[in-house]
Protein backbone atom coordinates (compact mmCIF):
# COMPACT_ATOMS: atom_id res chain seq x y z
CA MET A 1 -23.05 -122.26 -55.60
CA ASN A 2 -20.44 -123.75 -53.39
CA ASN A 3 -22.28 -126.15 -52.06
CA GLU A 4 -18.85 -127.16 -49.38
CA GLY A 5 -20.15 -127.86 -46.12
CA VAL A 6 -23.89 -128.05 -46.58
CA HIS A 7 -24.78 -131.97 -46.60
CA SER A 8 -27.70 -133.80 -46.47
CA LYS A 9 -28.80 -135.75 -44.17
CA GLY A 10 -24.75 -137.85 -44.15
CA CYS A 11 -25.52 -138.16 -47.54
CA GLY A 12 -23.04 -135.89 -49.13
CA ILE A 13 -25.40 -133.14 -51.27
CA ARG A 14 -27.55 -130.54 -49.74
CA PRO A 15 -30.67 -130.17 -48.35
CA HIS A 16 -32.79 -130.78 -50.87
CA ALA A 17 -36.41 -131.19 -51.78
CA VAL A 18 -38.31 -133.48 -54.17
CA PHE A 19 -41.50 -132.42 -55.90
CA LEU A 20 -43.68 -134.02 -58.23
CA TYR A 21 -46.46 -133.29 -60.41
CA THR A 22 -49.63 -134.65 -62.09
CA ALA A 23 -53.53 -134.28 -63.80
CA THR A 24 -55.27 -137.50 -63.46
CA LEU A 25 -55.70 -137.58 -67.19
CA GLY A 26 -55.60 -141.31 -68.79
CA ARG A 27 -52.35 -143.49 -68.11
CA TYR A 28 -51.19 -141.07 -64.78
CA GLN A 29 -51.35 -144.23 -62.70
CA ASP A 30 -49.31 -146.13 -64.71
CA ILE A 31 -47.08 -143.23 -64.72
CA LEU A 32 -46.82 -142.63 -60.77
CA ASP A 33 -45.77 -146.35 -60.53
CA GLU A 34 -43.41 -146.21 -62.70
CA THR A 35 -41.67 -142.45 -60.55
CA ALA A 36 -42.72 -144.73 -57.48
CA ALA A 37 -40.16 -147.65 -58.73
CA ALA A 38 -37.41 -145.68 -60.00
CA LEU A 39 -37.22 -143.26 -56.57
CA GLY A 40 -37.98 -146.28 -53.82
CA SER A 41 -35.12 -148.12 -55.51
CA MET A 42 -33.13 -144.82 -54.79
CA PRO A 43 -31.88 -143.44 -51.55
CA MET A 44 -32.87 -139.84 -52.28
CA ARG A 45 -36.18 -140.88 -50.13
CA HIS A 46 -34.67 -140.85 -47.54
CA THR A 47 -32.47 -137.67 -47.65
CA ALA A 48 -35.20 -135.23 -48.53
CA GLN A 49 -36.04 -133.24 -46.48
CA ARG A 50 -39.72 -132.91 -48.24
CA ILE A 51 -41.44 -135.00 -50.93
CA THR A 52 -44.40 -133.71 -52.73
CA LEU A 53 -46.96 -135.01 -54.80
CA GLY A 54 -48.39 -132.24 -56.69
CA VAL A 55 -52.50 -133.31 -57.98
CA VAL A 56 -55.28 -131.71 -60.02
CA GLY A 57 -57.72 -133.53 -61.31
CA GLU A 58 -60.33 -135.96 -59.91
CA GLY A 59 -59.23 -139.34 -60.63
CA PRO A 60 -57.99 -141.41 -57.40
CA VAL A 61 -54.41 -141.66 -56.70
CA GLN A 62 -52.18 -143.94 -55.12
CA PHE A 63 -48.27 -143.04 -54.85
CA GLU A 64 -46.10 -145.25 -51.87
CA LEU A 65 -42.64 -144.74 -50.89
CA PRO A 66 -41.39 -147.26 -48.48
CA ASP A 67 -40.40 -145.53 -45.56
CA ALA A 68 -40.45 -141.70 -47.46
CA ASP A 69 -42.53 -139.43 -46.19
CA VAL A 70 -44.69 -138.25 -48.86
CA LYS A 71 -47.26 -135.41 -49.31
CA VAL A 72 -50.07 -135.89 -51.47
CA HIS A 73 -52.18 -132.17 -52.32
CA ARG A 74 -54.99 -132.03 -54.27
CA TRP A 75 -54.05 -128.26 -55.30
CA SER A 76 -57.48 -128.70 -58.19
CA LYS A 77 -60.03 -131.00 -59.63
CA ASP A 78 -59.35 -129.09 -63.12
CA VAL A 79 -57.37 -130.72 -65.08
CA ALA A 80 -56.61 -127.24 -66.50
CA ALA A 81 -55.19 -125.67 -64.02
CA PHE A 82 -51.95 -127.94 -65.40
CA GLU A 83 -48.55 -128.19 -63.00
CA HIS A 84 -48.95 -124.33 -62.57
CA PRO A 85 -49.93 -125.40 -58.23
CA THR A 86 -47.45 -127.58 -57.82
CA LEU A 87 -44.67 -124.92 -59.01
CA ARG A 88 -46.21 -122.15 -57.16
CA ALA A 89 -44.87 -124.68 -54.14
CA VAL A 90 -41.21 -125.12 -55.33
CA GLN A 91 -41.08 -121.73 -55.75
CA GLN A 92 -42.33 -120.89 -52.16
CA TYR A 93 -40.19 -123.49 -51.24
CA ALA A 94 -36.83 -122.09 -52.26
CA ARG A 95 -37.71 -119.18 -51.31
CA GLN A 96 -37.97 -120.50 -47.45
CA HIS A 97 -34.95 -122.76 -48.40
CA PRO A 98 -32.57 -120.26 -50.43
CA ASP A 99 -30.03 -122.72 -49.58
CA ALA A 100 -31.53 -126.03 -50.94
CA ALA A 101 -31.74 -127.51 -53.88
CA VAL A 102 -35.17 -128.61 -55.47
CA LEU A 103 -36.00 -131.44 -57.58
CA TYR A 104 -38.93 -131.19 -59.76
CA LEU A 105 -40.65 -134.39 -62.34
CA ASN A 106 -43.66 -134.41 -64.35
CA CYS A 107 -45.20 -137.57 -64.94
CA LEU A 108 -45.62 -136.35 -68.48
CA GLY A 109 -48.09 -138.52 -70.97
CA GLY A 110 -50.53 -139.73 -69.18
CA ARG A 111 -52.96 -138.00 -71.53
CA HIS A 112 -51.24 -139.75 -74.67
CA VAL A 113 -52.15 -143.15 -74.43
CA GLY A 114 -52.40 -143.96 -78.15
CA VAL A 115 -49.52 -143.02 -80.70
CA GLY A 116 -47.90 -140.35 -78.58
CA TRP A 117 -47.05 -142.51 -76.00
CA PRO A 118 -43.87 -144.57 -77.08
CA THR A 119 -42.58 -141.23 -77.18
CA ARG A 120 -43.40 -140.07 -73.76
CA VAL A 121 -42.19 -143.30 -72.33
CA LEU A 122 -38.67 -142.51 -73.71
CA TRP A 123 -39.00 -139.34 -71.96
CA ARG A 124 -39.39 -139.82 -68.70
CA SER A 125 -36.96 -142.72 -68.74
CA MET A 126 -34.51 -139.69 -69.78
CA LEU A 127 -35.75 -137.28 -66.36
CA LEU A 128 -35.97 -140.39 -64.09
CA TYR A 129 -32.37 -141.22 -65.70
CA LEU A 130 -30.62 -137.75 -65.55
CA LEU A 131 -32.70 -136.60 -62.01
CA VAL A 132 -33.31 -139.84 -59.67
CA GLU A 133 -30.81 -142.41 -60.93
CA ASN A 134 -28.04 -139.37 -61.27
CA TYR A 135 -29.38 -136.71 -58.29
CA THR A 136 -26.24 -136.34 -56.51
CA LEU A 137 -24.82 -134.96 -59.70
CA ALA A 138 -28.34 -133.25 -60.95
CA LEU A 139 -28.70 -132.07 -57.04
CA GLN A 140 -24.73 -130.67 -56.93
CA ASP A 141 -24.56 -126.78 -58.49
CA HIS A 142 -28.03 -125.57 -58.84
CA ASN A 143 -30.97 -125.01 -56.68
CA VAL A 144 -33.52 -126.02 -59.17
CA ASN A 145 -32.20 -128.68 -62.07
CA GLY A 146 -34.43 -130.47 -64.86
CA ALA A 147 -33.57 -131.88 -67.93
CA THR A 148 -33.84 -130.19 -70.58
CA PHE A 149 -33.43 -126.54 -68.73
CA LEU A 150 -32.24 -123.46 -71.22
CA PRO A 151 -32.08 -119.98 -70.27
CA VAL A 152 -31.97 -119.02 -73.55
CA PRO A 153 -34.38 -117.34 -75.48
CA LEU A 154 -36.50 -117.64 -72.22
CA PRO A 155 -35.97 -119.65 -68.80
């Protein structure tokens, strides 16, 4: 897609939205705090048309980004809904804003509080580096971006 002439509030990239998913399991609040710190230090929070936090589960959620308009949607009290409601919201947004880009983040690893925790910490660090710290690159040429999207064998 040609991005020439399409900019978001003067930041040099096209209009975009940020969608974040979490389930209220394990250390989810630690992960939300980590993600909020990463997003809070980046100018993208000022240029996003929308920042949406999709939540499943019954646990309390705190997610604050200074000077950013964050909408929190508790899609379901059942964590078995997984990220599907948030992904449906991404799809709806993309249909309504076909020229915009979407940055999707998953608060990965909250339920892995034991042996799997260090691996999840590294994975999240990669996600935050690729998609948040380098968001201008992540949002340049694609409508939807993730860290490890593979078109083959299945998208």
